[in-house]
């Protein structure tokens, strides 16, 4: 009985660890995308206001 539970645990543990790492990576990607979008929007807005001032 004891050997059965240990093999089961050893199979589950790496799986959950991979799941955590995958979630962390997905969160990092989401943060990076939002940062990039933020920069693009800021630049576009600055360009827009600059064009307004020039014209």
PDB file of N, CA and C in Angstrom:
ATOM      1  N   UNK A   1       0.836  -1.204   0.000  1.00  0.00           N
ATOM      2  CA  UNK A   1       0.000   0.000   0.000  1.00  0.00           C
ATOM      3  C   UNK A   1       0.871   1.255   0.000  1.00  0.00           C
ATOM      4  N   UNK A   2       1.913   1.238   0.835  1.00  0.00           N
ATOM      5  CA  UNK A   2       2.794   2.401   0.937  1.00  0.00           C
ATOM      6  C   UNK A   2       3.495   2.699  -0.385  1.00  0.00           C
ATOM      7  N   UNK A   3       3.952   1.630  -1.065  1.00  0.00           N
ATOM      8  CA  UNK A   3       4.671   1.815  -2.326  1.00  0.00           C
ATOM      9  C   UNK A   3       3.761   2.401  -3.405  1.00  0.00           C
ATOM     10  N   UNK A   4       2.487   2.059  -3.363  1.00  0.00           N
ATOM     11  CA  UNK A   4       1.530   2.544  -4.352  1.00  0.00           C
ATOM     12  C   UNK A   4       1.345   4.059  -4.220  1.00  0.00           C
ATOM     13  N   UNK A   5       1.222   4.547  -2.984  1.00  0.00           N
ATOM     14  CA  UNK A   5       1.010   5.983  -2.760  1.00  0.00           C
ATOM     15  C   UNK A   5       2.252   6.780  -3.146  1.00  0.00           C
ATOM     16  N   UNK A   6       3.447   6.261  -2.866  1.00  0.00           N
ATOM     17  CA  UNK A   6       4.668   6.995  -3.191  1.00  0.00           C
ATOM     18  C   UNK A   6       4.835   7.149  -4.705  1.00  0.00           C
ATOM     19  N   UNK A   7       4.545   6.083  -5.473  1.00  0.00           N
ATOM     20  CA  UNK A   7       4.668   6.177  -6.929  1.00  0.00           C
ATOM     21  C   UNK A   7       3.642   7.167  -7.471  1.00  0.00           C
ATOM     22  N   UNK A   8       2.458   7.166  -6.878  1.00  0.00           N
ATOM     23  CA  UNK A   8       1.402   8.086  -7.297  1.00  0.00           C
ATOM     24  C   UNK A   8       1.845   9.526  -7.033  1.00  0.00           C
ATOM     25  N   UNK A   9       2.412   9.786  -5.864  1.00  0.00           N
ATOM     26  CA  UNK A   9       2.862  11.126  -5.504  1.00  0.00           C
ATOM     27  C   UNK A   9       3.980  11.609  -6.420  1.00  0.00           C
ATOM     28  N   UNK A  10       4.916  10.716  -6.728  1.00  0.00           N
ATOM     29  CA  UNK A  10       6.050  11.097  -7.572  1.00  0.00           C
ATOM     30  C   UNK A  10       5.595  11.443  -8.981  1.00  0.00           C
ATOM     31  N   UNK A  11       4.469  10.874  -9.401  1.00  0.00           N
ATOM     32  CA  UNK A  11       3.940  11.188 -10.733  1.00  0.00           C
ATOM     33  C   UNK A  11       3.182  12.518 -10.737  1.00  0.00           C
ATOM     34  N   UNK A  12       2.497  12.811  -9.627  1.00  0.00           N
ATOM     35  CA  UNK A  12       1.680  14.035  -9.551  1.00  0.00           C
ATOM     36  C   UNK A  12       2.557  15.273  -9.346  1.00  0.00           C
ATOM     37  N   UNK A  13       3.571  15.177  -8.505  1.00  0.00           N
ATOM     38  CA  UNK A  13       4.369  16.341  -8.125  1.00  0.00           C
ATOM     39  C   UNK A  13       5.003  17.060  -9.323  1.00  0.00           C
ATOM     40  N   UNK A  14       5.730  16.362 -10.214  1.00  0.00           N
ATOM     41  CA  UNK A  14       6.323  17.084 -11.348  1.00  0.00           C
ATOM     42  C   UNK A  14       5.266  17.723 -12.244  1.00  0.00           C
ATOM     43  N   UNK A  15       4.107  17.079 -12.332  1.00  0.00           N
ATOM     44  CA  UNK A  15       3.025  17.609 -13.162  1.00  0.00           C
ATOM     45  C   UNK A  15       2.542  18.964 -12.630  1.00  0.00           C
ATOM     46  N   UNK A  16       2.328  19.033 -11.317  1.00  0.00           N
ATOM     47  CA  UNK A  16       1.859  20.290 -10.725  1.00  0.00           C
ATOM     48  C   UNK A  16       2.939  21.363 -10.836  1.00  0.00           C
ATOM     49  N   UNK A  17       4.199  20.969 -10.698  1.00  0.00           N
ATOM     50  CA  UNK A  17       5.306  21.922 -10.815  1.00  0.00           C
ATOM     51  C   UNK A  17       5.345  22.505 -12.222  1.00  0.00           C
ATOM     52  N   UNK A  18       5.184  21.654 -13.226  1.00  0.00           N
ATOM     53  CA  UNK A  18       5.146  22.118 -14.614  1.00  0.00           C
ATOM     54  C   UNK A  18       3.970  23.050 -14.841  1.00  0.00           C
ATOM     55  N   UNK A  19       2.843  22.722 -14.240  1.00  0.00           N
ATOM     56  CA  UNK A  19       1.649  23.553 -14.344  1.00  0.00           C
ATOM     57  C   UNK A  19       1.895  24.941 -13.783  1.00  0.00           C
ATOM     58  N   UNK A  20       2.573  25.008 -12.632  1.00  0.00           N
ATOM     59  CA  UNK A  20       2.898  26.290 -11.991  1.00  0.00           C
ATOM     60  C   UNK A  20       3.826  27.099 -12.883  1.00  0.00           C
ATOM     61  N   UNK A  21       4.851  26.443 -13.420  1.00  0.00           N
ATOM     62  CA  UNK A  21       5.810  27.131 -14.290  1.00  0.00           C
ATOM     63  C   UNK A  21       5.124  27.667 -15.536  1.00  0.00           C
ATOM     64  N   UNK A  22       4.217  26.858 -16.097  1.00  0.00           N
ATOM     65  CA  UNK A  22       3.499  27.254 -17.309  1.00  0.00           C
ATOM     66  C   UNK A  22       2.628  28.477 -17.025  1.00  0.00           C
ATOM     67  N   UNK A  23       1.942  28.449 -15.880  1.00  0.00           N
ATOM     68  CA  UNK A  23       1.093  29.580 -15.495  1.00  0.00           C
ATOM     69  C   UNK A  23       1.931  30.840 -15.305  1.00  0.00           C
ATOM     70  N   UNK A  24       3.091  30.699 -14.670  1.00  0.00           N
ATOM     71  CA  UNK A  24       3.980  31.838 -14.440  1.00  0.00           C
ATOM     72  C   UNK A  24       4.448  32.414 -15.769  1.00  0.00           C
ATOM     73  N   UNK A  25       4.805  31.544 -16.709  1.00  0.00           N
ATOM     74  CA  UNK A  25       5.248  31.999 -18.032  1.00  0.00           C
ATOM     75  C   UNK A  25       4.137  32.716 -18.774  1.00  0.00           C
ATOM     76  N   UNK A  26       2.919  32.193 -18.678  1.00  0.00           N
ATOM     77  CA  UNK A  26       1.766  32.816 -19.337  1.00  0.00           C
ATOM     78  C   UNK A  26       1.494  34.189 -18.748  1.00  0.00           C
ATOM     79  N   UNK A  27       1.648  34.314 -17.428  1.00  0.00           N
ATOM     80  CA  UNK A  27       1.457  35.610 -16.770  1.00  0.00           C
ATOM     81  C   UNK A  27       2.515  36.600 -17.242  1.00  0.00           C
ATOM     82  N   UNK A  28       3.770  36.141 -17.342  1.00  0.00           N
ATOM     83  CA  UNK A  28       4.856  37.003 -17.829  1.00  0.00           C
ATOM     84  C   UNK A  28       4.561  37.489 -19.235  1.00  0.00           C
ATOM     85  N   UNK A  29       4.104  36.576 -20.096  1.00  0.00           N
ATOM     86  CA  UNK A  29       3.779  36.934 -21.481  1.00  0.00           C
ATOM     87  C   UNK A  29       2.662  37.956 -21.518  1.00  0.00           C
ATOM     88  N   UNK A  30       1.642  37.769 -20.699  1.00  0.00           N
ATOM     89  CA  UNK A  30       0.512  38.700 -20.644  1.00  0.00           C
ATOM     90  C   UNK A  30       0.989  40.083 -20.207  1.00  0.00           C
ATOM     91  N   UNK A  31       1.881  40.130 -19.214  1.00  0.00           N
ATOM     92  CA  UNK A  31       2.431  41.397 -18.728  1.00  0.00           C
ATOM     93  C   UNK A  31       3.246  42.069 -19.836  1.00  0.00           C
ATOM     94  N   UNK A  32       4.081  41.282 -20.529  1.00  0.00           N
ATOM     95  CA  UNK A  32       4.889  41.824 -21.619  1.00  0.00           C
ATOM     96  C   UNK A  32       4.023  42.404 -22.718  1.00  0.00           C
ATOM     97  N   UNK A  33       2.960  41.690 -23.096  1.00  0.00           N
ATOM     98  CA  UNK A  33       2.058  42.148 -24.149  1.00  0.00           C
ATOM     99  C   UNK A  33       1.394  43.456 -23.731  1.00  0.00           C
ATOM    100  N   UNK A  34       0.935  43.538 -22.487  1.00  0.00           N
ATOM    101  CA  UNK A  34       0.267  44.753 -22.015  1.00  0.00           C
ATOM    102  C   UNK A  34       1.247  45.928 -21.975  1.00  0.00           C
ATOM    103  N   UNK A  35       2.495  45.658 -21.607  1.00  0.00           N
ATOM    104  CA  UNK A  35       3.509  46.718 -21.599  1.00  0.00           C
ATOM    105  C   UNK A  35       3.772  47.234 -23.008  1.00  0.00           C
ATOM    106  N   UNK A  36       3.902  46.308 -23.954  1.00  0.00           N
ATOM    107  CA  UNK A  36       4.142  46.679 -25.348  1.00  0.00           C
ATOM    108  C   UNK A  36       2.971  47.501 -25.884  1.00  0.00           C
ATOM    109  N   UNK A  37       1.756  47.044 -25.596  1.00  0.00           N
ATOM    110  CA  UNK A  37       0.556  47.776 -26.033  1.00  0.00           C
ATOM    111  C   UNK A  37       0.525  49.168 -25.415  1.00  0.00           C
ATOM    112  N   UNK A  38       0.882  49.251 -24.141  1.00  0.00           N
ATOM    113  CA  UNK A  38       0.947  50.543 -23.452  1.00  0.00           C
ATOM    114  C   UNK A  38       1.882  51.503 -24.167  1.00  0.00           C
ATOM    115  N   UNK A  39       3.068  51.016 -24.517  1.00  0.00           N
ATOM    116  CA  UNK A  39       4.079  51.841 -25.191  1.00  0.00           C
ATOM    117  C   UNK A  39       3.569  52.289 -26.557  1.00  0.00           C
ATOM    118  N   UNK A  40       2.962  51.353 -27.303  1.00  0.00           N
ATOM    119  CA  UNK A  40       2.437  51.673 -28.642  1.00  0.00           C
ATOM    120  C   UNK A  40       1.356  52.746 -28.539  1.00  0.00           C
ATOM    121  N   UNK A  41       0.444  52.583 -27.578  1.00  0.00           N
ATOM    122  CA  UNK A  41      -0.655  53.542 -27.405  1.00  0.00           C
ATOM    123  C   UNK A  41      -0.093  54.913 -27.017  1.00  0.00           C
ATOM    124  N   UNK A  42       0.864  54.935 -26.095  1.00  0.00           N
ATOM    125  CA  UNK A  42       1.482  56.203 -25.667  1.00  0.00           C
ATOM    126  C   UNK A  42       2.148  56.896 -26.844  1.00  0.00           C
ATOM    127  N   UNK A  43       2.924  56.136 -27.610  1.00  0.00           N
ATOM    128  CA  UNK A  43       3.624  56.697 -28.772  1.00  0.00           C
ATOM    129  C   UNK A  43       2.640  57.238 -29.796  1.00  0.00           C
ATOM    130  N   UNK A  44       1.586  56.474 -30.060  1.00  0.00           N
ATOM    131  CA  UNK A  44       0.567  56.894 -31.025  1.00  0.00           C
ATOM    132  C   UNK A  44      -0.103  58.175 -30.545  1.00  0.00           C
ATOM    133  N   UNK A  45      -0.410  58.249 -29.260  1.00  0.00           N
ATOM    134  CA  UNK A  45      -1.066  59.427 -28.699  1.00  0.00           C
ATOM    135  C   UNK A  45      -0.147  60.643 -28.784  1.00  0.00           C
ATOM    136  N   UNK A  46       1.132  60.455 -28.452  1.00  0.00           N
ATOM    137  CA  UNK A  46       2.108  61.544 -28.538  1.00  0.00           C
ATOM    138  C   UNK A  46       2.232  62.024 -29.977  1.00  0.00           C
ATOM    139  N   UNK A  47       2.283  61.092 -30.912  1.00  0.00           N
ATOM    140  CA  UNK A  47       2.376  61.417 -32.331  1.00  0.00           C
ATOM    141  C   UNK A  47       1.151  62.209 -32.764  1.00  0.00           C
ATOM    142  N   UNK A  48      -0.011  61.772 -32.302  1.00  0.00           N
ATOM    143  CA  UNK A  48      -1.284  62.427 -32.624  1.00  0.00           C
ATOM    144  C   UNK A  48      -1.296  63.859 -32.099  1.00  0.00           C
ATOM    145  N   UNK A  49      -0.902  64.036 -30.827  1.00  0.00           N
ATOM    146  CA  UNK A  49      -0.903  65.375 -30.224  1.00  0.00           C
ATOM    147  C   UNK A  49       0.142  66.252 -30.897  1.00  0.00           C
ATOM    148  N   UNK A  50       1.261  65.673 -31.265  1.00  0.00           N
ATOM    149  CA  UNK A  50       2.315  66.424 -31.962  1.00  0.00           C
ATOM    150  C   UNK A  50       1.795  66.942 -33.298  1.00  0.00           C
ATOM    151  N   UNK A  51       1.114  66.067 -34.026  1.00  0.00           N
ATOM    152  CA  UNK A  51       0.540  66.450 -35.319  1.00  0.00           C
ATOM    153  C   UNK A  51      -0.490  67.555 -35.147  1.00  0.00           C
ATOM    154  N   UNK A  52      -1.272  67.499 -34.084  1.00  0.00           N
ATOM    155  CA  UNK A  52      -2.275  68.533 -33.789  1.00  0.00           C
ATOM    156  C   UNK A  52      -1.591  69.879 -33.554  1.00  0.00           C
ATOM    157  N   UNK A  53      -0.503  69.855 -32.801  1.00  0.00           N
ATOM    158  CA  UNK A  53       0.227  71.080 -32.470  1.00  0.00           C
ATOM    159  C   UNK A  53       0.847  71.674 -33.730  1.00  0.00           C
ATOM    160  N   UNK A  54       1.432  70.822 -34.573  1.00  0.00           N
ATOM    161  CA  UNK A  54       2.104  71.278 -35.794  1.00  0.00           C
ATOM    162  C   UNK A  54       1.076  71.886 -36.755  1.00  0.00           C
ATOM    163  N   UNK A  55      -0.057  71.229 -36.944  1.00  0.00           N
ATOM    164  CA  UNK A  55      -1.095  71.715 -37.863  1.00  0.00           C
ATOM    165  C   UNK A  55      -1.970  72.747 -37.151  1.00  0.00           C
TER     166      UNK A  55
END
